[in-house]
């Protein structure tokens, strides 16, 4: 499944590129994610998602490659449910380009997922991705606007400072508008059938 998203960072391409290379600072901006270890271009982490009352936790690993000239990053990610048989793998390419309002970040994701979230189609996954990307962009903007704290900020960016458990990102809430839209036509058809049945029933009784 291929997903495409984009957002704008209110910073110059140079400053945005510098920030994106610091995974320890950027990772906490991703909803539901926690970076556990970072060793050069390799890392491990956890993601927690929620669909209604059901929560799913994933543990995985990844690598990152950078193209300084093109200002692009390529991530290879893989993980599996900590309590289940579901798996997820993705290749993500993020490219930064200059824009009047700052820097446009275009993200292309090739996603392969099994287990309970696989029941969502591409439309729902795109909607979910859009909302997660919007949250990610908002947190990045807060990070860029935060005053520098010198050595304290550098210490806070280490993976060891990450919380023990990530806060679950609610996929159910993000997917609900799409599910409602998908259900609108069948629901309307069902309503029409019920109206006809009731009308025929009244005529037969008359």
Protein backbone atom coordinates (compact mmCIF):
# COMPACT_ATOMS: atom_id res chain seq x y z
CA UNK A 1 0.00 0.00 0.00
CA UNK A 2 1.49 3.34 -1.07
CA UNK A 3 0.60 6.49 0.86
CA UNK A 4 1.60 10.07 0.04
CA UNK A 5 1.45 13.00 2.46
CA UNK A 6 2.96 16.46 2.72
CA UNK A 7 3.18 19.26 5.24
CA UNK A 8 4.99 22.57 5.67
CA UNK A 9 7.58 23.33 8.34
CA UNK A 10 7.97 27.03 9.25
CA UNK A 11 11.76 26.99 8.89
CA UNK A 12 14.36 27.35 6.18
CA UNK A 13 15.37 24.16 4.33
CA UNK A 14 18.77 24.33 6.05
CA UNK A 15 17.29 24.52 9.56
CA UNK A 16 14.60 21.93 8.81
CA UNK A 17 17.18 19.51 7.37
CA UNK A 18 19.37 19.95 10.45
CA UNK A 19 16.42 19.14 12.72
CA UNK A 20 15.34 16.09 10.70
CA UNK A 21 18.78 14.57 11.04
CA UNK A 22 18.40 14.56 14.83
CA UNK A 23 16.15 11.50 15.27
CA UNK A 24 16.32 11.73 19.05
CA UNK A 25 14.57 15.13 18.90
CA UNK A 26 12.19 14.38 16.02
CA UNK A 27 10.95 10.92 17.08
CA UNK A 28 8.95 12.16 20.12
CA UNK A 29 6.96 14.38 17.73
CA UNK A 30 5.44 11.29 16.09
CA UNK A 31 2.12 10.44 17.80
CA UNK A 32 2.13 7.09 19.56
CA UNK A 33 5.87 6.47 19.08
CA UNK A 34 8.82 6.15 21.45
CA UNK A 35 12.48 5.86 20.43
CA UNK A 36 14.24 3.32 22.66
CA UNK A 37 17.76 3.09 21.25
CA UNK A 38 19.74 4.99 18.64
CA UNK A 39 23.08 3.70 17.37
CA UNK A 40 24.35 5.64 14.37
CA UNK A 41 21.87 5.02 11.56
CA UNK A 42 20.07 2.17 13.35
CA UNK A 43 17.37 2.47 15.98
CA UNK A 44 14.68 0.57 17.88
CA UNK A 45 11.38 1.79 19.18
CA UNK A 46 7.75 1.15 20.06
CA UNK A 47 4.41 2.32 18.70
CA UNK A 48 1.04 2.06 20.42
CA UNK A 49 -2.24 2.47 18.56
CA UNK A 50 -5.86 2.28 19.65
CA UNK A 51 -8.98 1.34 17.70
CA UNK A 52 -11.98 1.86 19.95
CA UNK A 53 -11.39 -0.10 23.13
CA UNK A 54 -8.70 -2.28 21.54
CA UNK A 55 -5.04 -1.27 21.96
CA UNK A 56 -2.16 -2.68 19.96
CA UNK A 57 1.52 -2.25 20.75
CA UNK A 58 4.31 -2.78 18.24
CA UNK A 59 8.01 -3.17 18.86
CA UNK A 60 10.38 -2.75 15.95
CA UNK A 61 13.60 -1.53 14.45
CA UNK A 62 14.76 0.57 11.56
CA UNK A 63 17.60 2.16 9.66
CA UNK A 64 17.93 5.58 8.07
CA UNK A 65 19.90 6.74 5.02
CA UNK A 66 20.36 10.39 4.08
CA UNK A 67 21.00 12.22 0.82
CA UNK A 68 22.50 15.57 1.78
CA UNK A 69 22.33 17.00 -1.76
CA UNK A 70 18.66 16.16 -2.32
CA UNK A 71 17.76 16.76 1.35
CA UNK A 72 15.95 13.44 1.52
CA UNK A 73 15.80 10.68 4.11
CA UNK A 74 15.01 7.02 3.51
CA UNK A 75 13.84 4.85 6.41
CA UNK A 76 13.40 1.07 6.43
CA UNK A 77 11.11 0.02 9.27
CA UNK A 78 9.81 -3.31 10.54
CA UNK A 79 7.97 -4.41 13.65
CA UNK A 80 5.51 -6.84 15.18
CA UNK A 81 2.77 -6.79 17.77
CA UNK A 82 3.98 -7.42 21.31
CA UNK A 83 0.76 -9.34 22.07
CA UNK A 84 -0.45 -10.70 18.78
CA UNK A 85 0.53 -12.05 15.40
CA UNK A 86 0.29 -8.79 13.48
CA UNK A 87 3.31 -7.37 11.66
CA UNK A 88 4.13 -4.10 9.96
CA UNK A 89 6.91 -3.03 7.63
CA UNK A 90 7.42 0.17 5.70
CA UNK A 91 9.85 2.11 3.61
CA UNK A 92 9.49 5.85 4.09
CA UNK A 93 11.08 8.56 1.97
CA UNK A 94 10.89 12.16 3.16
CA UNK A 95 12.06 14.95 0.85
CA UNK A 96 12.49 18.58 1.91
CA UNK A 97 12.08 21.44 -0.58
CA UNK A 98 11.98 25.20 -0.18
CA UNK A 99 8.60 26.94 -0.10
CA UNK A 100 7.40 30.53 0.48
CA UNK A 101 6.16 29.60 3.97
CA UNK A 102 9.26 27.63 4.91
CA UNK A 103 9.97 24.04 3.88
CA UNK A 104 7.61 21.52 2.32
CA UNK A 105 8.14 17.94 3.51
CA UNK A 106 6.81 15.29 1.13
CA UNK A 107 6.52 11.82 2.57
CA UNK A 108 5.99 8.65 0.54
CA UNK A 109 5.29 5.44 2.47
CA UNK A 110 5.17 1.90 1.12
CA UNK A 111 3.33 0.03 3.87
CA UNK A 112 2.75 -3.67 4.39
CA UNK A 113 0.63 -4.52 7.43
CA UNK A 114 -1.04 -7.68 8.73
CA UNK A 115 -3.36 -8.33 11.66
CA UNK A 116 -6.29 -6.25 12.88
CA UNK A 117 -5.35 -2.89 11.25
CA UNK A 118 -5.20 -4.63 7.85
CA UNK A 119 -9.02 -4.53 7.72
CA UNK A 120 -8.81 -0.81 6.91
CA UNK A 121 -8.58 -0.06 3.21
CA UNK A 122 -6.31 2.43 1.50
CA UNK A 123 -8.82 5.26 1.87
CA UNK A 124 -9.03 4.89 5.64
CA UNK A 125 -5.28 4.44 6.02
CA UNK A 126 -4.71 7.63 3.98
CA UNK A 127 -7.14 9.53 6.21
CA UNK A 128 -5.46 8.16 9.33
CA UNK A 129 -2.05 9.04 7.91
CA UNK A 130 -3.17 12.59 7.11
CA UNK A 131 -4.29 13.20 10.68
CA UNK A 132 -1.15 11.69 12.19
CA UNK A 133 1.02 13.77 9.85
CA UNK A 134 -0.88 16.93 10.86
CA UNK A 135 -0.21 16.17 14.54
CA UNK A 136 3.43 15.43 13.75
CA UNK A 137 3.78 18.73 11.86
CA UNK A 138 2.18 20.68 14.72
CA UNK A 139 4.62 19.16 17.22
CA UNK A 140 7.55 19.89 14.94
CA UNK A 141 6.46 23.52 14.76
CA UNK A 142 6.34 23.68 18.57
CA UNK A 143 9.82 22.17 18.69
CA UNK A 144 11.16 24.70 16.20
CA UNK A 145 9.59 27.59 18.10
CA UNK A 146 10.80 26.41 21.51
CA UNK A 147 13.69 28.48 22.93
CA UNK A 148 17.04 26.74 22.93
CA UNK A 149 18.06 25.46 26.34
CA UNK A 150 21.71 24.75 25.49
CA UNK A 151 23.16 21.63 27.15
CA UNK A 152 19.84 20.88 28.84
CA UNK A 153 18.10 20.59 25.47
CA UNK A 154 20.80 18.27 24.19
CA UNK A 155 20.45 16.05 27.24
CA UNK A 156 16.66 15.94 26.83
CA UNK A 157 17.03 14.74 23.25
CA UNK A 158 18.63 11.42 24.20
CA UNK A 159 16.47 8.28 23.79
CA UNK A 160 17.01 7.42 27.47
CA UNK A 161 14.77 10.36 28.38
CA UNK A 162 11.82 8.85 26.52
CA UNK A 163 8.77 7.79 28.56
CA UNK A 164 8.46 4.13 29.53
CA UNK A 165 5.26 3.74 27.51
CA UNK A 166 4.10 5.66 24.43
CA UNK A 167 0.72 7.36 24.51
CA UNK A 168 -1.59 5.44 22.17
CA UNK A 169 -2.63 7.23 18.99
CA UNK A 170 -6.35 6.67 18.41
CA UNK A 171 -6.79 5.24 14.91
CA UNK A 172 -10.48 4.65 15.56
CA UNK A 173 -11.14 8.36 16.05
CA UNK A 174 -9.17 9.19 12.90
CA UNK A 175 -10.92 6.53 10.82
CA UNK A 176 -14.46 7.27 12.03
CA UNK A 177 -15.29 10.01 9.45
CA UNK A 178 -14.23 7.69 6.63
CA UNK A 179 -16.19 4.77 8.06
CA UNK A 180 -19.28 6.97 8.32
CA UNK A 181 -18.89 8.11 4.72
CA UNK A 182 -18.50 4.51 3.57
CA UNK A 183 -21.62 3.54 5.53
CA UNK A 184 -23.72 6.44 4.21
CA UNK A 185 -24.80 4.79 0.93
CA UNK A 186 -25.63 1.34 2.39
CA UNK A 187 -27.47 3.03 5.26
CA UNK A 188 -29.50 5.16 2.85
CA UNK A 189 -30.38 2.09 0.79
CA UNK A 190 -31.44 0.19 3.91
CA UNK A 191 -33.58 3.12 5.02
CA UNK A 192 -35.28 3.23 1.62
CA UNK A 193 -36.06 -0.49 1.81
CA UNK A 194 -37.54 -0.09 5.29
CA UNK A 195 -39.75 2.79 4.10
CA UNK A 196 -41.05 0.74 1.17
CA UNK A 197 -41.72 -2.29 3.39
CA UNK A 198 -43.64 -0.20 5.90
CA UNK A 199 -45.67 1.46 3.12
CA UNK A 200 -46.61 -1.91 1.61
CA UNK A 201 -47.54 -3.16 5.04
CA UNK A 202 -49.93 -0.28 5.58
CA UNK A 203 -51.53 -0.79 2.15
CA UNK A 204 -52.04 -4.49 2.80
CA UNK A 205 -53.71 -3.75 6.13
CA UNK A 206 -55.94 -1.15 4.48
